[in-house]
C-alpha atoms as a PDB file:
ATOM      1  CA  UNK A   1       0.004  -0.001   0.002  1.00  0.00           C
ATOM      2  CA  UNK A   2       1.480   3.327  -1.074  1.00  0.00           C
ATOM      3  CA  UNK A   3       1.726   6.464   0.980  1.00  0.00           C
ATOM      4  CA  UNK A   4      -1.094   8.121  -0.941  1.00  0.00           C
ATOM      5  CA  UNK A   5      -3.454   5.191  -0.343  1.00  0.00           C
ATOM      6  CA  UNK A   6      -2.554   5.172   3.351  1.00  0.00           C
ATOM      7  CA  UNK A   7      -3.441   8.871   3.586  1.00  0.00           C
ATOM      8  CA  UNK A   8      -6.829   8.162   1.945  1.00  0.00           C
ATOM      9  CA  UNK A   9      -7.584   5.453   4.470  1.00  0.00           C
ATOM     10  CA  UNK A  10      -6.517   7.663   7.372  1.00  0.00           C
ATOM     11  CA  UNK A  11      -8.784  10.467   6.149  1.00  0.00           C
ATOM     12  CA  UNK A  12     -11.784   8.102   5.807  1.00  0.00           C
ATOM     13  CA  UNK A  13     -11.044   6.450   9.163  1.00  0.00           C
ATOM     14  CA  UNK A  14     -10.821   9.829  10.866  1.00  0.00           C
ATOM     15  CA  UNK A  15     -14.116  10.996   9.351  1.00  0.00           C
ATOM     16  CA  UNK A  16     -15.879   7.722  10.259  1.00  0.00           C
ATOM     17  CA  UNK A  17     -14.602   7.806  13.823  1.00  0.00           C
ATOM     18  CA  UNK A  18     -15.733  11.422  14.182  1.00  0.00           C
ATOM     19  CA  UNK A  19     -19.219  10.480  12.968  1.00  0.00           C
ATOM     20  CA  UNK A  20     -19.336   7.527  15.379  1.00  0.00           C
ATOM     21  CA  UNK A  21     -18.204   9.857  18.181  1.00  0.00           C
ATOM     22  CA  UNK A  22     -21.012  12.315  17.435  1.00  0.00           C
ATOM     23  CA  UNK A  23     -23.499   9.457  17.315  1.00  0.00           C
ATOM     24  CA  UNK A  24     -22.250   8.042  20.614  1.00  0.00           C
ATOM     25  CA  UNK A  25     -22.543  11.468  22.237  1.00  0.00           C
ATOM     26  CA  UNK A  26     -26.100  11.841  20.920  1.00  0.00           C
ATOM     27  CA  UNK A  27     -26.916   8.331  22.125  1.00  0.00           C
ATOM     28  CA  UNK A  28     -25.777   9.140  25.626  1.00  0.00           C
ATOM     29  CA  UNK A  29     -27.697  12.432  25.674  1.00  0.00           C
ATOM     30  CA  UNK A  30     -30.904  10.830  24.327  1.00  0.00           C
ATOM     31  CA  UNK A  31     -30.603   7.924  26.767  1.00  0.00           C
ATOM     32  CA  UNK A  32     -30.287  10.411  29.620  1.00  0.00           C
ATOM     33  CA  UNK A  33     -33.271  12.441  28.389  1.00  0.00           C
ATOM     34  CA  UNK A  34     -35.463   9.350  27.967  1.00  0.00           C
ATOM     35  CA  UNK A  35     -34.639   7.838  31.320  1.00  0.00           C
ATOM     36  CA  UNK A  36     -35.018  11.183  33.143  1.00  0.00           C
ATOM     37  CA  UNK A  37     -38.493  11.512  31.626  1.00  0.00           C
ATOM     38  CA  UNK A  38     -37.759  14.650  29.563  1.00  0.00           C
ATOM     39  CA  UNK A  39     -38.034  12.766  26.214  1.00  0.00           C
ATOM     40  CA  UNK A  40     -40.857  10.241  25.698  1.00  0.00           C
ATOM     41  CA  UNK A  41     -40.230   6.520  26.104  1.00  0.00           C
ATOM     42  CA  UNK A  42     -40.873   4.034  23.330  1.00  0.00           C
ATOM     43  CA  UNK A  43     -43.892   1.768  23.355  1.00  0.00           C
ATOM     44  CA  UNK A  44     -43.524  -1.578  25.037  1.00  0.00           C
ATOM     45  CA  UNK A  45     -40.164  -3.238  24.372  1.00  0.00           C
ATOM     46  CA  UNK A  46     -39.204  -0.699  21.674  1.00  0.00           C
ATOM     47  CA  UNK A  47     -37.481   1.726  24.071  1.00  0.00           C
ATOM     48  CA  UNK A  48     -33.952   0.760  22.984  1.00  0.00           C
ATOM     49  CA  UNK A  49     -34.867   1.063  19.315  1.00  0.00           C
ATOM     50  CA  UNK A  50     -36.457   4.437  20.008  1.00  0.00           C
ATOM     51  CA  UNK A  51     -33.327   5.727  21.707  1.00  0.00           C
ATOM     52  CA  UNK A  52     -31.050   4.570  18.822  1.00  0.00           C
ATOM     53  CA  UNK A  53     -33.371   6.012  16.143  1.00  0.00           C
ATOM     54  CA  UNK A  54     -33.672   9.331  17.962  1.00  0.00           C
ATOM     55  CA  UNK A  55     -29.902   9.487  18.375  1.00  0.00           C
ATOM     56  CA  UNK A  56     -29.458   8.808  14.634  1.00  0.00           C
ATOM     57  CA  UNK A  57     -31.929  11.553  13.736  1.00  0.00           C
ATOM     58  CA  UNK A  58     -30.135  14.021  15.977  1.00  0.00           C
ATOM     59  CA  UNK A  59     -26.564  13.080  15.007  1.00  0.00           C
ATOM     60  CA  UNK A  60     -27.113  13.271  11.230  1.00  0.00           C
ATOM     61  CA  UNK A  61     -27.624  17.071  10.950  1.00  0.00           C
ATOM     62  CA  UNK A  62     -25.020  17.698  13.637  1.00  0.00           C
ATOM     63  CA  UNK A  63     -22.351  15.711  11.764  1.00  0.00           C
ATOM     64  CA  UNK A  64     -23.457  17.301   8.476  1.00  0.00           C
ATOM     65  CA  UNK A  65     -22.703  20.767   9.818  1.00  0.00           C
ATOM     66  CA  UNK A  66     -19.820  20.033  12.200  1.00  0.00           C
ATOM     67  CA  UNK A  67     -17.835  17.657   9.931  1.00  0.00           C
ATOM     68  CA  UNK A  68     -18.185  19.639   6.678  1.00  0.00           C
ATOM     69  CA  UNK A  69     -14.441  20.286   6.338  1.00  0.00           C
ATOM     70  CA  UNK A  70     -13.533  16.670   7.127  1.00  0.00           C
ATOM     71  CA  UNK A  71     -16.134  15.378   4.670  1.00  0.00           C
ATOM     72  CA  UNK A  72     -14.856  17.737   1.941  1.00  0.00           C
ATOM     73  CA  UNK A  73     -11.266  16.688   2.600  1.00  0.00           C
ATOM     74  CA  UNK A  74     -12.159  12.980   2.485  1.00  0.00           C
ATOM     75  CA  UNK A  75     -14.229  13.362  -0.684  1.00  0.00           C
ATOM     76  CA  UNK A  76     -11.369  15.273  -2.341  1.00  0.00           C
ATOM     77  CA  UNK A  77      -9.095  12.283  -1.654  1.00  0.00           C
ATOM     78  CA  UNK A  78     -11.687   9.942  -3.163  1.00  0.00           C
ATOM     79  CA  UNK A  79     -12.051  12.132  -6.244  1.00  0.00           C
ATOM     80  CA  UNK A  80      -8.288  12.184  -6.693  1.00  0.00           C
ATOM     81  CA  UNK A  81      -8.131   8.396  -6.482  1.00  0.00           C
ATOM     82  CA  UNK A  82     -11.001   7.936  -8.957  1.00  0.00           C
ATOM     83  CA  UNK A  83      -9.348  10.341 -11.410  1.00  0.00           C
ATOM     84  CA  UNK A  84      -6.037   8.544 -11.021  1.00  0.00           C
ATOM     85  CA  UNK A  85      -7.736   5.171 -11.615  1.00  0.00           C
ATOM     86  CA  UNK A  86      -9.519   6.495 -14.724  1.00  0.00           C
ATOM     87  CA  UNK A  87      -6.219   7.830 -16.108  1.00  0.00           C
ATOM     88  CA  UNK A  88      -4.562   4.467 -15.490  1.00  0.00           C
ATOM     89  CA  UNK A  89      -7.413   2.599 -17.194  1.00  0.00           C
ATOM     90  CA  UNK A  90      -7.268   4.934 -20.210  1.00  0.00           C
ATOM     91  CA  UNK A  91      -3.475   4.555 -20.439  1.00  0.00           C
ATOM     92  CA  UNK A  92      -3.815   0.737 -20.303  1.00  0.00           C
ATOM     93  CA  UNK A  93      -6.568   0.834 -22.916  1.00  0.00           C
ATOM     94  CA  UNK A  94      -4.448   2.920 -25.292  1.00  0.00           C
ATOM     95  CA  UNK A  95      -1.493   0.532 -24.781  1.00  0.00           C
ATOM     96  CA  UNK A  96      -3.739  -2.444 -25.581  1.00  0.00           C
ATOM     97  CA  UNK A  97      -5.041  -0.684 -28.691  1.00  0.00           C
ATOM     98  CA  UNK A  98      -1.491   0.085 -29.891  1.00  0.00           C
ATOM     99  CA  UNK A  99      -0.401  -3.512 -29.269  1.00  0.00           C
ATOM    100  CA  UNK A 100      -3.510  -4.859 -31.011  1.00  0.00           C
ATOM    101  CA  UNK A 101      -2.997  -2.577 -34.006  1.00  0.00           C
ATOM    102  CA  UNK A 102       0.661  -3.630 -34.260  1.00  0.00           C
ATOM    103  CA  UNK A 103      -0.281  -7.329 -34.056  1.00  0.00           C
ATOM    104  CA  UNK A 104      -2.965  -6.971 -36.718  1.00  0.00           C
ATOM    105  CA  UNK A 105      -0.649  -4.973 -38.981  1.00  0.00           C
ATOM    106  CA  UNK A 106       2.053  -7.618 -38.691  1.00  0.00           C
ATOM    107  CA  UNK A 107      -0.432 -10.444 -39.369  1.00  0.00           C
ATOM    108  CA  UNK A 108      -1.817  -8.764 -42.487  1.00  0.00           C
ATOM    109  CA  UNK A 109       1.641  -8.565 -44.077  1.00  0.00           C
ATOM    110  CA  UNK A 110       2.213 -12.354 -43.841  1.00  0.00           C
ATOM    111  CA  UNK A 111       0.660 -14.776 -46.392  1.00  0.00           C
ATOM    112  CA  UNK A 112      -1.756 -17.338 -45.012  1.00  0.00           C
END
């Protein structure tokens, strides 16, 4: 794995861990609010599911706003990698076309 690929993975890992951290913080806050009676409890046995869903709903806009720079940085790394992969594929395709044309040209000059 090259240095550039390692940097990409580090950026994505950092962003993912930050999102998980925001979710965990929201989960703790929602759990506290539900068990203190400030936020409503779920129906029957659905209380745990209610807490997780409420934490997801709260953490999504928070991470959208707070992690904007990290998300832009990570997506820029992904775009760079996709562009580099596209360039490599195009270079390989042109090499294959050149080799194929050379092979066909050499085969046409020989009698069958």
